[in-house]
Amino acid sequence: MMATRYDQKTKDQVVAFIKAYNDENGRGGQSAAAKKWKLNPITVKAWMGKAGLVSPGKSAKKKSSGGRKPQAATRQTSKAKTGSLSGVLTRMAGIQDQIASLQVEYDSLKSKL
């Protein structure tokens, strides 16, 4: 069986979906995206990593040192970075949609010349 190649637009849509789902529900976006798009969860995890998103799953709790909880300022800082990354990603996906639409319009006009 051959591996499927996904375009950047699809990857961006999946990552934006995960971010929105996690913001609304706390977690579970990765699994929901894998089911919705029929993707391998490992693939989805890789796309999340490349987009700078971290999974809010149970493993994050295991990585804390000495059983101490992270300081509130640290959590707010990392949450702000993730939020801004997701905002940029969402805006980029919208702009890519506009570019695709303009490209179709351009090609249509060009063919009439």
PDB file of N, CA and C in Angstrom:
ATOM      1  N   MET A   1       0.844  -1.182   0.000  1.00  0.00           N
ATOM      2  CA  MET A   1       0.000   0.000   0.000  1.00  0.00           C
ATOM      3  C   MET A   1       0.885   1.239   0.000  1.00  0.00           C
ATOM      4  N   MET A   2       0.538   2.207  -0.830  1.00  0.00           N
ATOM      5  CA  MET A   2       1.325   3.415  -0.958  1.00  0.00           C
ATOM      6  C   MET A   2       0.836   4.499  -0.004  1.00  0.00           C
ATOM      7  N   ALA A   3       1.762   5.270   0.501  1.00  0.00           N
ATOM      8  CA  ALA A   3       1.411   6.354   1.415  1.00  0.00           C
ATOM      9  C   ALA A   3       0.720   7.476   0.644  1.00  0.00           C
ATOM     10  N   THR A   4      -0.237   8.125   1.301  1.00  0.00           N
ATOM     11  CA  THR A   4      -0.957   9.227   0.694  1.00  0.00           C
ATOM     12  C   THR A   4      -0.247  10.534   1.019  1.00  0.00           C
ATOM     13  N   ARG A   5      -0.100  11.386   0.019  1.00  0.00           N
ATOM     14  CA  ARG A   5       0.479  12.712   0.210  1.00  0.00           C
ATOM     15  C   ARG A   5      -0.654  13.708   0.395  1.00  0.00           C
ATOM     16  N   TYR A   6      -0.548  14.555   1.393  1.00  0.00           N
ATOM     17  CA  TYR A   6      -1.564  15.558   1.661  1.00  0.00           C
ATOM     18  C   TYR A   6      -0.992  16.943   1.372  1.00  0.00           C
ATOM     19  N   ASP A   7      -1.819  17.798   0.761  1.00  0.00           N
ATOM     20  CA  ASP A   7      -1.363  19.152   0.471  1.00  0.00           C
ATOM     21  C   ASP A   7      -1.374  19.989   1.755  1.00  0.00           C
ATOM     22  N   GLN A   8      -0.677  21.110   1.723  1.00  0.00           N
ATOM     23  CA  GLN A   8      -0.541  21.957   2.906  1.00  0.00           C
ATOM     24  C   GLN A   8      -1.883  22.507   3.357  1.00  0.00           C
ATOM     25  N   LYS A   9      -2.780  22.761   2.436  1.00  0.00           N
ATOM     26  CA  LYS A   9      -4.110  23.284   2.782  1.00  0.00           C
ATOM     27  C   LYS A   9      -4.848  22.293   3.678  1.00  0.00           C
ATOM     28  N   THR A  10      -4.813  21.019   3.338  1.00  0.00           N
ATOM     29  CA  THR A  10      -5.467  19.996   4.150  1.00  0.00           C
ATOM     30  C   THR A  10      -4.829  19.917   5.524  1.00  0.00           C
ATOM     31  N   LYS A  11      -3.509  19.940   5.558  1.00  0.00           N
ATOM     32  CA  LYS A  11      -2.812  19.888   6.840  1.00  0.00           C
ATOM     33  C   LYS A  11      -3.208  21.064   7.719  1.00  0.00           C
ATOM     34  N   ASP A  12      -3.258  22.259   7.128  1.00  0.00           N
ATOM     35  CA  ASP A  12      -3.630  23.461   7.876  1.00  0.00           C
ATOM     36  C   ASP A  12      -5.069  23.374   8.390  1.00  0.00           C
ATOM     37  N   GLN A  13      -5.965  22.829   7.571  1.00  0.00           N
ATOM     38  CA  GLN A  13      -7.355  22.668   7.989  1.00  0.00           C
ATOM     39  C   GLN A  13      -7.454  21.713   9.180  1.00  0.00           C
ATOM     40  N   VAL A  14      -6.716  20.616   9.115  1.00  0.00           N
ATOM     41  CA  VAL A  14      -6.744  19.629  10.197  1.00  0.00           C
ATOM     42  C   VAL A  14      -6.211  20.248  11.488  1.00  0.00           C
ATOM     43  N   VAL A  15      -5.093  20.954  11.402  1.00  0.00           N
ATOM     44  CA  VAL A  15      -4.501  21.565  12.597  1.00  0.00           C
ATOM     45  C   VAL A  15      -5.427  22.636  13.170  1.00  0.00           C
ATOM     46  N   ALA A  16      -6.045  23.452  12.307  1.00  0.00           N
ATOM     47  CA  ALA A  16      -6.980  24.479  12.782  1.00  0.00           C
ATOM     48  C   ALA A  16      -8.189  23.826  13.453  1.00  0.00           C
ATOM     49  N   PHE A  17      -8.673  22.719  12.881  1.00  0.00           N
ATOM     50  CA  PHE A  17      -9.786  21.982  13.483  1.00  0.00           C
ATOM     51  C   PHE A  17      -9.408  21.479  14.866  1.00  0.00           C
ATOM     52  N   ILE A  18      -8.216  20.909  14.996  1.00  0.00           N
ATOM     53  CA  ILE A  18      -7.750  20.388  16.282  1.00  0.00           C
ATOM     54  C   ILE A  18      -7.681  21.503  17.310  1.00  0.00           C
ATOM     55  N   LYS A  19      -7.118  22.629  16.928  1.00  0.00           N
ATOM     56  CA  LYS A  19      -6.993  23.769  17.845  1.00  0.00           C
ATOM     57  C   LYS A  19      -8.368  24.231  18.308  1.00  0.00           C
ATOM     58  N   ALA A  20      -9.288  24.406  17.375  1.00  0.00           N
ATOM     59  CA  ALA A  20     -10.640  24.860  17.725  1.00  0.00           C
ATOM     60  C   ALA A  20     -11.343  23.840  18.619  1.00  0.00           C
ATOM     61  N   TYR A  21     -11.210  22.563  18.303  1.00  0.00           N
ATOM     62  CA  TYR A  21     -11.838  21.502  19.087  1.00  0.00           C
ATOM     63  C   TYR A  21     -11.279  21.492  20.506  1.00  0.00           C
ATOM     64  N   ASN A  22      -9.968  21.585  20.635  1.00  0.00           N
ATOM     65  CA  ASN A  22      -9.344  21.572  21.959  1.00  0.00           C
ATOM     66  C   ASN A  22      -9.702  22.822  22.762  1.00  0.00           C
ATOM     67  N   ASP A  23      -9.801  23.970  22.096  1.00  0.00           N
ATOM     68  CA  ASP A  23     -10.198  25.197  22.791  1.00  0.00           C
ATOM     69  C   ASP A  23     -11.615  25.061  23.352  1.00  0.00           C
ATOM     70  N   GLU A  24     -12.471  24.388  22.594  1.00  0.00           N
ATOM     71  CA  GLU A  24     -13.865  24.238  23.007  1.00  0.00           C
ATOM     72  C   GLU A  24     -14.049  23.128  24.041  1.00  0.00           C
ATOM     73  N   ASN A  25     -13.330  22.025  23.877  1.00  0.00           N
ATOM     74  CA  ASN A  25     -13.552  20.841  24.708  1.00  0.00           C
ATOM     75  C   ASN A  25     -12.421  20.506  25.673  1.00  0.00           C
ATOM     76  N   GLY A  26     -11.312  21.202  25.578  1.00  0.00           N
ATOM     77  CA  GLY A  26     -10.183  20.919  26.459  1.00  0.00           C
ATOM     78  C   GLY A  26      -9.178  19.966  25.849  1.00  0.00           C
ATOM     79  N   ARG A  27      -9.645  18.908  25.232  1.00  0.00           N
ATOM     80  CA  ARG A  27      -8.770  17.940  24.574  1.00  0.00           C
ATOM     81  C   ARG A  27      -9.603  17.052  23.665  1.00  0.00           C
ATOM     82  N   GLY A  28      -8.944  16.182  22.921  1.00  0.00           N
ATOM     83  CA  GLY A  28      -9.649  15.239  22.054  1.00  0.00           C
ATOM     84  C   GLY A  28      -9.666  15.630  20.587  1.00  0.00           C
ATOM     85  N   GLY A  29      -9.087  16.781  20.276  1.00  0.00           N
ATOM     86  CA  GLY A  29      -9.094  17.250  18.888  1.00  0.00           C
ATOM     87  C   GLY A  29      -8.326  16.358  17.939  1.00  0.00           C
ATOM     88  N   GLN A  30      -7.209  15.808  18.422  1.00  0.00           N
ATOM     89  CA  GLN A  30      -6.394  14.942  17.570  1.00  0.00           C
ATOM     90  C   GLN A  30      -7.181  13.703  17.163  1.00  0.00           C
ATOM     91  N   SER A  31      -7.851  13.085  18.120  1.00  0.00           N
ATOM     92  CA  SER A  31      -8.642  11.885  17.822  1.00  0.00           C
ATOM     93  C   SER A  31      -9.818  12.216  16.916  1.00  0.00           C
ATOM     94  N   ALA A  32     -10.481  13.345  17.196  1.00  0.00           N
ATOM     95  CA  ALA A  32     -11.626  13.744  16.374  1.00  0.00           C
ATOM     96  C   ALA A  32     -11.199  14.016  14.933  1.00  0.00           C
ATOM     97  N   ALA A  33     -10.059  14.669  14.760  1.00  0.00           N
ATOM     98  CA  ALA A  33      -9.565  14.956  13.413  1.00  0.00           C
ATOM     99  C   ALA A  33      -9.189  13.667  12.682  1.00  0.00           C
ATOM    100  N   ALA A  34      -8.549  12.751  13.393  1.00  0.00           N
ATOM    101  CA  ALA A  34      -8.152  11.482  12.774  1.00  0.00           C
ATOM    102  C   ALA A  34      -9.386  10.725  12.276  1.00  0.00           C
ATOM    103  N   LYS A  35     -10.458  10.760  13.055  1.00  0.00           N
ATOM    104  CA  LYS A  35     -11.699  10.081  12.644  1.00  0.00           C
ATOM    105  C   LYS A  35     -12.376  10.825  11.496  1.00  0.00           C
ATOM    106  N   LYS A  36     -12.458  12.159  11.605  1.00  0.00           N
ATOM    107  CA  LYS A  36     -13.164  12.957  10.604  1.00  0.00           C
ATOM    108  C   LYS A  36     -12.521  12.836   9.226  1.00  0.00           C
ATOM    109  N   TRP A  37     -11.189  12.913   9.164  1.00  0.00           N
ATOM    110  CA  TRP A  37     -10.483  12.867   7.882  1.00  0.00           C
ATOM    111  C   TRP A  37      -9.937  11.473   7.563  1.00  0.00           C
ATOM    112  N   LYS A  38     -10.215  10.500   8.435  1.00  0.00           N
ATOM    113  CA  LYS A  38      -9.730   9.123   8.250  1.00  0.00           C
ATOM    114  C   LYS A  38      -8.207   9.097   8.094  1.00  0.00           C
ATOM    115  N   LEU A  39      -7.536   9.715   9.080  1.00  0.00           N
ATOM    116  CA  LEU A  39      -6.079   9.816   9.072  1.00  0.00           C
ATOM    117  C   LEU A  39      -5.479   8.961  10.171  1.00  0.00           C
ATOM    118  N   ASN A  40      -4.226   8.618  10.002  1.00  0.00           N
ATOM    119  CA  ASN A  40      -3.479   7.922  11.033  1.00  0.00           C
ATOM    120  C   ASN A  40      -3.167   8.935  12.143  1.00  0.00           C
ATOM    121  N   PRO A  41      -3.460   8.596  13.409  1.00  0.00           N
ATOM    122  CA  PRO A  41      -3.189   9.528  14.513  1.00  0.00           C
ATOM    123  C   PRO A  41      -1.723   9.965  14.594  1.00  0.00           C
ATOM    124  N   ILE A  42      -0.810   9.111  14.172  1.00  0.00           N
ATOM    125  CA  ILE A  42       0.611   9.470  14.187  1.00  0.00           C
ATOM    126  C   ILE A  42       0.871  10.585  13.169  1.00  0.00           C
ATOM    127  N   THR A  43       0.225  10.511  12.025  1.00  0.00           N
ATOM    128  CA  THR A  43       0.342  11.558  11.018  1.00  0.00           C
ATOM    129  C   THR A  43      -0.184  12.879  11.569  1.00  0.00           C
ATOM    130  N   VAL A  44      -1.344  12.820  12.213  1.00  0.00           N
ATOM    131  CA  VAL A  44      -1.948  14.024  12.788  1.00  0.00           C
ATOM    132  C   VAL A  44      -1.024  14.620  13.847  1.00  0.00           C
ATOM    133  N   LYS A  45      -0.438  13.780  14.679  1.00  0.00           N
ATOM    134  CA  LYS A  45       0.489  14.237  15.722  1.00  0.00           C
ATOM    135  C   LYS A  45       1.697  14.946  15.091  1.00  0.00           C
ATOM    136  N   ALA A  46       2.209  14.403  13.997  1.00  0.00           N
ATOM    137  CA  ALA A  46       3.351  15.022  13.314  1.00  0.00           C
ATOM    138  C   ALA A  46       2.970  16.398  12.768  1.00  0.00           C
ATOM    139  N   TRP A  47       1.778  16.508  12.182  1.00  0.00           N
ATOM    140  CA  TRP A  47       1.328  17.800  11.669  1.00  0.00           C
ATOM    141  C   TRP A  47       1.183  18.807  12.804  1.00  0.00           C
ATOM    142  N   MET A  48       0.689  18.349  13.940  1.00  0.00           N
ATOM    143  CA  MET A  48       0.547  19.236  15.097  1.00  0.00           C
ATOM    144  C   MET A  48       1.915  19.747  15.542  1.00  0.00           C
ATOM    145  N   GLY A  49       2.886  18.850  15.584  1.00  0.00           N
ATOM    146  CA  GLY A  49       4.231  19.239  16.002  1.00  0.00           C
ATOM    147  C   GLY A  49       4.843  20.254  15.067  1.00  0.00           C
ATOM    148  N   LYS A  50       4.670  20.055  13.764  1.00  0.00           N
ATOM    149  CA  LYS A  50       5.222  20.995  12.786  1.00  0.00           C
ATOM    150  C   LYS A  50       4.529  22.348  12.858  1.00  0.00           C
ATOM    151  N   ALA A  51       3.262  22.355  13.288  1.00  0.00           N
ATOM    152  CA  ALA A  51       2.522  23.613  13.413  1.00  0.00           C
ATOM    153  C   ALA A  51       2.779  24.295  14.749  1.00  0.00           C
ATOM    154  N   GLY A  52       3.504  23.617  15.648  1.00  0.00           N
ATOM    155  CA  GLY A  52       3.819  24.214  16.943  1.00  0.00           C
ATOM    156  C   GLY A  52       2.768  23.976  18.007  1.00  0.00           C
ATOM    157  N   LEU A  53       1.800  23.103  17.748  1.00  0.00           N
ATOM    158  CA  LEU A  53       0.783  22.786  18.747  1.00  0.00           C
ATOM    159  C   LEU A  53       1.260  21.633  19.608  1.00  0.00           C
ATOM    160  N   VAL A  54       0.920  21.685  20.866  1.00  0.00           N
ATOM    161  CA  VAL A  54       1.229  20.578  21.763  1.00  0.00           C
ATOM    162  C   VAL A  54      -0.068  19.899  22.144  1.00  0.00           C
ATOM    163  N   SER A  55      -0.010  18.619  22.322  1.00  0.00           N
ATOM    164  CA  SER A  55      -1.178  17.843  22.703  1.00  0.00           C
ATOM    165  C   SER A  55      -1.469  18.054  24.182  1.00  0.00           C
ATOM    166  N   PRO A  56      -2.708  18.396  24.540  1.00  0.00           N
ATOM    167  CA  PRO A  56      -3.036  18.626  25.951  1.00  0.00           C
ATOM    168  C   PRO A  56      -3.375  17.336  26.682  1.00  0.00           C
ATOM    169  N   GLY A  57      -2.846  16.216  26.241  1.00  0.00           N
ATOM    170  CA  GLY A  57      -3.189  14.917  26.803  1.00  0.00           C
ATOM    171  C   GLY A  57      -2.546  14.616  28.135  1.00  0.00           C
ATOM    172  N   LYS A  58      -2.683  13.386  28.548  1.00  0.00           N
ATOM    173  CA  LYS A  58      -2.186  12.928  29.840  1.00  0.00           C
ATOM    174  C   LYS A  58      -0.667  12.977  29.924  1.00  0.00           C
ATOM    175  N   SER A  59       0.024  12.814  28.818  1.00  0.00           N
ATOM    176  CA  SER A  59       1.485  12.760  28.840  1.00  0.00           C
ATOM    177  C   SER A  59       2.095  14.065  29.339  1.00  0.00           C
ATOM    178  N   ALA A  60       1.409  15.170  29.163  1.00  0.00           N
ATOM    179  CA  ALA A  60       1.931  16.450  29.636  1.00  0.00           C
ATOM    180  C   ALA A  60       2.072  16.444  31.152  1.00  0.00           C
ATOM    181  N   LYS A  61       1.182  15.751  31.828  1.00  0.00           N
ATOM    182  CA  LYS A  61       1.251  15.675  33.284  1.00  0.00           C
ATOM    183  C   LYS A  61       2.433  14.836  33.732  1.00  0.00           C
ATOM    184  N   LYS A  62       2.761  13.797  32.988  1.00  0.00           N
ATOM    185  CA  LYS A  62       3.857  12.905  33.350  1.00  0.00           C
ATOM    186  C   LYS A  62       5.211  13.588  33.230  1.00  0.00           C
ATOM    187  N   LYS A  63       5.325  14.581  32.359  1.00  0.00           N
ATOM    188  CA  LYS A  63       6.606  15.216  32.099  1.00  0.00           C
ATOM    189  C   LYS A  63       6.990  16.261  33.138  1.00  0.00           C
ATOM    190  N   SER A  64       6.056  16.632  34.026  1.00  0.00           N
ATOM    191  CA  SER A  64       6.408  17.647  35.018  1.00  0.00           C
ATOM    192  C   SER A  64       7.396  17.056  36.012  1.00  0.00           C
ATOM    193  N   SER A  65       8.360  17.864  36.419  1.00  0.00           N
ATOM    194  CA  SER A  65       9.434  17.371  37.265  1.00  0.00           C
ATOM    195  C   SER A  65       9.041  17.339  38.727  1.00  0.00           C
ATOM    196  N   GLY A  66       9.359  16.260  39.402  1.00  0.00           N
ATOM    197  CA  GLY A  66       9.172  16.143  40.845  1.00  0.00           C
ATOM    198  C   GLY A  66       7.735  16.203  41.314  1.00  0.00           C
ATOM    199  N   GLY A  67       6.778  16.016  40.433  1.00  0.00           N
ATOM    200  CA  GLY A  67       5.390  16.047  40.841  1.00  0.00           C
ATOM    201  C   GLY A  67       4.893  17.453  41.140  1.00  0.00           C
ATOM    202  N   ARG A  68       5.736  18.459  40.945  1.00  0.00           N
ATOM    203  CA  ARG A  68       5.304  19.834  41.183  1.00  0.00           C
ATOM    204  C   ARG A  68       4.508  20.339  39.991  1.00  0.00           C
ATOM    205  N   LYS A  69       3.529  21.175  40.289  1.00  0.00           N
ATOM    206  CA  LYS A  69       2.742  21.767  39.221  1.00  0.00           C
ATOM    207  C   LYS A  69       3.492  22.966  38.658  1.00  0.00           C
ATOM    208  N   PRO A  70       3.366  23.214  37.354  1.00  0.00           N
ATOM    209  CA  PRO A  70       4.029  24.380  36.780  1.00  0.00           C
ATOM    210  C   PRO A  70       3.436  25.667  37.343  1.00  0.00           C
ATOM    211  N   GLN A  71       4.235  26.707  37.364  1.00  0.00           N
ATOM    212  CA  GLN A  71       3.762  27.984  37.864  1.00  0.00           C
ATOM    213  C   GLN A  71       2.732  28.564  36.906  1.00  0.00           C
ATOM    214  N   ALA A  72       1.818  29.349  37.453  1.00  0.00           N
ATOM    215  CA  ALA A  72       0.734  29.921  36.654  1.00  0.00           C
ATOM    216  C   ALA A  72       1.280  30.779  35.515  1.00  0.00           C
ATOM    217  N   ALA A  73       2.331  31.545  35.756  1.00  0.00           N
ATOM    218  CA  ALA A  73       2.884  32.415  34.713  1.00  0.00           C
ATOM    219  C   ALA A  73       3.389  31.596  33.533  1.00  0.00           C
ATOM    220  N   THR A  74       4.005  30.454  33.815  1.00  0.00           N
ATOM    221  CA  THR A  74       4.518  29.596  32.745  1.00  0.00           C
ATOM    222  C   THR A  74       3.367  29.071  31.901  1.00  0.00           C
ATOM    223  N   ARG A  75       2.300  28.641  32.537  1.00  0.00           N
ATOM    224  CA  ARG A  75       1.151  28.129  31.799  1.00  0.00           C
ATOM    225  C   ARG A  75       0.526  29.209  30.935  1.00  0.00           C
ATOM    226  N   GLN A  76       0.417  30.416  31.448  1.00  0.00           N
ATOM    227  CA  GLN A  76      -0.176  31.498  30.677  1.00  0.00           C
ATOM    228  C   GLN A  76       0.695  31.850  29.479  1.00  0.00           C
ATOM    229  N   THR A  77       1.995  31.865  29.664  1.00  0.00           N
ATOM    230  CA  THR A  77       2.903  32.204  28.574  1.00  0.00           C
ATOM    231  C   THR A  77       2.808  31.186  27.455  1.00  0.00           C
ATOM    232  N   SER A  78       2.861  29.890  27.789  1.00  0.00           N
ATOM    233  CA  SER A  78       2.802  28.872  26.743  1.00  0.00           C
ATOM    234  C   SER A  78       1.428  28.837  26.093  1.00  0.00           C
ATOM    235  N   LYS A  79       0.380  29.120  26.867  1.00  0.00           N
ATOM    236  CA  LYS A  79      -0.961  29.148  26.294  1.00  0.00           C
ATOM    237  C   LYS A  79      -1.087  30.323  25.320  1.00  0.00           C
ATOM    238  N   ALA A  80      -0.508  31.451  25.673  1.00  0.00           N
ATOM    239  CA  ALA A  80      -0.552  32.619  24.790  1.00  0.00           C
ATOM    240  C   ALA A  80       0.191  32.338  23.490  1.00  0.00           C
ATOM    241  N   LYS A  81       1.344  31.670  23.572  1.00  0.00           N
ATOM    242  CA  LYS A  81       2.110  31.343  22.361  1.00  0.00           C
ATOM    243  C   LYS A  81       1.306  30.416  21.472  1.00  0.00           C
ATOM    244  N   THR A  82       0.676  29.391  22.063  1.00  0.00           N
ATOM    245  CA  THR A  82      -0.116  28.442  21.293  1.00  0.00           C
ATOM    246  C   THR A  82      -1.304  29.148  20.669  1.00  0.00           C
ATOM    247  N   GLY A  83      -1.948  30.036  21.432  1.00  0.00           N
ATOM    248  CA  GLY A  83      -3.091  30.765  20.904  1.00  0.00           C
ATOM    249  C   GLY A  83      -2.702  31.629  19.717  1.00  0.00           C
ATOM    250  N   SER A  84      -1.566  32.313  19.808  1.00  0.00           N
ATOM    251  CA  SER A  84      -1.146  33.169  18.706  1.00  0.00           C
ATOM    252  C   SER A  84      -0.722  32.325  17.501  1.00  0.00           C
ATOM    253  N   LEU A  85      -0.104  31.193  17.736  1.00  0.00           N
ATOM    254  CA  LEU A  85       0.258  30.306  16.625  1.00  0.00           C
ATOM    255  C   LEU A  85      -0.992  29.825  15.903  1.00  0.00           C
ATOM    256  N   SER A  86      -1.990  29.449  16.671  1.00  0.00           N
ATOM    257  CA  SER A  86      -3.214  28.951  16.059  1.00  0.00           C
ATOM    258  C   SER A  86      -3.932  30.059  15.312  1.00  0.00           C
ATOM    259  N   GLY A  87      -3.886  31.288  15.854  1.00  0.00           N
ATOM    260  CA  GLY A  87      -4.505  32.407  15.158  1.00  0.00           C
ATOM    261  C   GLY A  87      -3.835  32.676  13.828  1.00  0.00           C
ATOM    262  N   VAL A  88      -2.512  32.632  13.840  1.00  0.00           N
ATOM    263  CA  VAL A  88      -1.758  32.834  12.597  1.00  0.00           C
ATOM    264  C   VAL A  88      -2.074  31.721  11.610  1.00  0.00           C
ATOM    265  N   LEU A  89      -2.126  30.492  12.106  1.00  0.00           N
ATOM    266  CA  LEU A  89      -2.420  29.352  11.234  1.00  0.00           C
ATOM    267  C   LEU A  89      -3.811  29.486  10.617  1.00  0.00           C
ATOM    268  N   THR A  90      -4.775  29.906  11.409  1.00  0.00           N
ATOM    269  CA  THR A  90      -6.135  30.079  10.906  1.00  0.00           C
ATOM    270  C   THR A  90      -6.176  31.170   9.840  1.00  0.00           C
ATOM    271  N   ARG A  91      -5.493  32.290  10.109  1.00  0.00           N
ATOM    272  CA  ARG A  91      -5.444  33.367   9.123  1.00  0.00           C
ATOM    273  C   ARG A  91      -4.755  32.907   7.847  1.00  0.00           C
ATOM    274  N   MET A  92      -3.662  32.134   7.998  1.00  0.00           N
ATOM    275  CA  MET A  92      -2.946  31.623   6.826  1.00  0.00           C
ATOM    276  C   MET A  92      -3.854  30.733   5.977  1.00  0.00           C
ATOM    277  N   ALA A  93      -4.637  29.874   6.638  1.00  0.00           N
ATOM    278  CA  ALA A  93      -5.544  28.988   5.901  1.00  0.00           C
ATOM    279  C   ALA A  93      -6.563  29.811   5.120  1.00  0.00           C
ATOM    280  N   GLY A  94      -7.077  30.882   5.729  1.00  0.00           N
ATOM    281  CA  GLY A  94      -8.021  31.757   5.033  1.00  0.00           C
ATOM    282  C   GLY A  94      -7.394  32.439   3.839  1.00  0.00           C
ATOM    283  N   ILE A  95      -6.178  32.906   4.013  1.00  0.00           N
ATOM    284  CA  ILE A  95      -5.465  33.576   2.917  1.00  0.00           C
ATOM    285  C   ILE A  95      -5.175  32.590   1.793  1.00  0.00           C
ATOM    286  N   GLN A  96      -4.813  31.347   2.147  1.00  0.00           N
ATOM    287  CA  GLN A  96      -4.555  30.337   1.123  1.00  0.00           C
ATOM    288  C   GLN A  96      -5.826  30.044   0.329  1.00  0.00           C
ATOM    289  N   ASP A  97      -6.992  30.062   0.999  1.00  0.00           N
ATOM    290  CA  ASP A  97      -8.259  29.877   0.294  1.00  0.00           C
ATOM    291  C   ASP A  97      -8.496  31.029  -0.684  1.00  0.00           C
ATOM    292  N   GLN A  98      -8.198  32.259  -0.238  1.00  0.00           N
ATOM    293  CA  GLN A  98      -8.355  33.418  -1.111  1.00  0.00           C
ATOM    294  C   GLN A  98      -7.421  33.329  -2.318  1.00  0.00           C
ATOM    295  N   ILE A  99      -6.186  32.907  -2.078  1.00  0.00           N
ATOM    296  CA  ILE A  99      -5.222  32.765  -3.170  1.00  0.00           C
ATOM    297  C   ILE A  99      -5.711  31.729  -4.183  1.00  0.00           C
ATOM    298  N   ALA A 100      -6.228  30.613  -3.681  1.00  0.00           N
ATOM    299  CA  ALA A 100      -6.733  29.570  -4.580  1.00  0.00           C
ATOM    300  C   ALA A 100      -7.894  30.109  -5.416  1.00  0.00           C
ATOM    301  N   SER A 101      -8.781  30.870  -4.791  1.00  0.00           N
ATOM    302  CA  SER A 101      -9.913  31.454  -5.499  1.00  0.00           C
ATOM    303  C   SER A 101      -9.438  32.444  -6.558  1.00  0.00           C
ATOM    304  N   LEU A 102      -8.471  33.292  -6.198  1.00  0.00           N
ATOM    305  CA  LEU A 102      -7.918  34.246  -7.153  1.00  0.00           C
ATOM    306  C   LEU A 102      -7.208  33.541  -8.312  1.00  0.00           C
ATOM    307  N   GLN A 103      -6.538  32.429  -8.017  1.00  0.00           N
ATOM    308  CA  GLN A 103      -5.843  31.681  -9.059  1.00  0.00           C
ATOM    309  C   GLN A 103      -6.841  31.131 -10.074  1.00  0.00           C
ATOM    310  N   VAL A 104      -7.982  30.629  -9.581  1.00  0.00           N
ATOM    311  CA  VAL A 104      -9.024  30.122 -10.480  1.00  0.00           C
ATOM    312  C   VAL A 104      -9.560  31.261 -11.341  1.00  0.00           C
ATOM    313  N   GLU A 105      -9.812  32.416 -10.719  1.00  0.00           N
ATOM    314  CA  GLU A 105     -10.299  33.576 -11.461  1.00  0.00           C
ATOM    315  C   GLU A 105      -9.277  34.027 -12.505  1.00  0.00           C
ATOM    316  N   TYR A 106      -8.012  34.070 -12.127  1.00  0.00           N
ATOM    317  CA  TYR A 106      -6.934  34.464 -13.029  1.00  0.00           C
ATOM    318  C   TYR A 106      -6.853  33.506 -14.225  1.00  0.00           C
ATOM    319  N   ASP A 107      -6.879  32.208 -13.930  1.00  0.00           N
ATOM    320  CA  ASP A 107      -6.798  31.215 -15.011  1.00  0.00           C
ATOM    321  C   ASP A 107      -7.979  31.351 -15.967  1.00  0.00           C
ATOM    322  N   SER A 108      -9.160  31.617 -15.406  1.00  0.00           N
ATOM    323  CA  SER A 108     -10.350  31.789 -16.247  1.00  0.00           C
ATOM    324  C   SER A 108     -10.199  33.001 -17.156  1.00  0.00           C
ATOM    325  N   LEU A 109      -9.758  34.121 -16.607  1.00  0.00           N
ATOM    326  CA  LEU A 109      -9.564  35.328 -17.407  1.00  0.00           C
ATOM    327  C   LEU A 109      -8.446  35.144 -18.445  1.00  0.00           C
ATOM    328  N   LYS A 110      -7.381  34.462 -18.036  1.00  0.00           N
ATOM    329  CA  LYS A 110      -6.255  34.237 -18.941  1.00  0.00           C
ATOM    330  C   LYS A 110      -6.669  33.389 -20.134  1.00  0.00           C
ATOM    331  N   SER A 111      -7.539  32.413 -19.907  1.00  0.00           N
ATOM    332  CA  SER A 111      -7.960  31.536 -20.999  1.00  0.00           C
ATOM    333  C   SER A 111      -8.820  32.277 -22.013  1.00  0.00           C
ATOM    334  N   LYS A 112      -9.416  33.402 -21.614  1.00  0.00           N
ATOM    335  CA  LYS A 112     -10.245  34.186 -22.525  1.00  0.00           C
ATOM    336  C   LYS A 112      -9.439  35.099 -23.439  1.00  0.00           C
ATOM    337  N   LEU A 113      -8.145  35.242 -23.156  1.00  0.00           N
ATOM    338  CA  LEU A 113      -7.298  36.124 -23.989  1.00  0.00           C
ATOM    339  C   LEU A 113      -6.994  35.522 -25.328  1.00  0.00           C
TER     340      LEU A 113
END
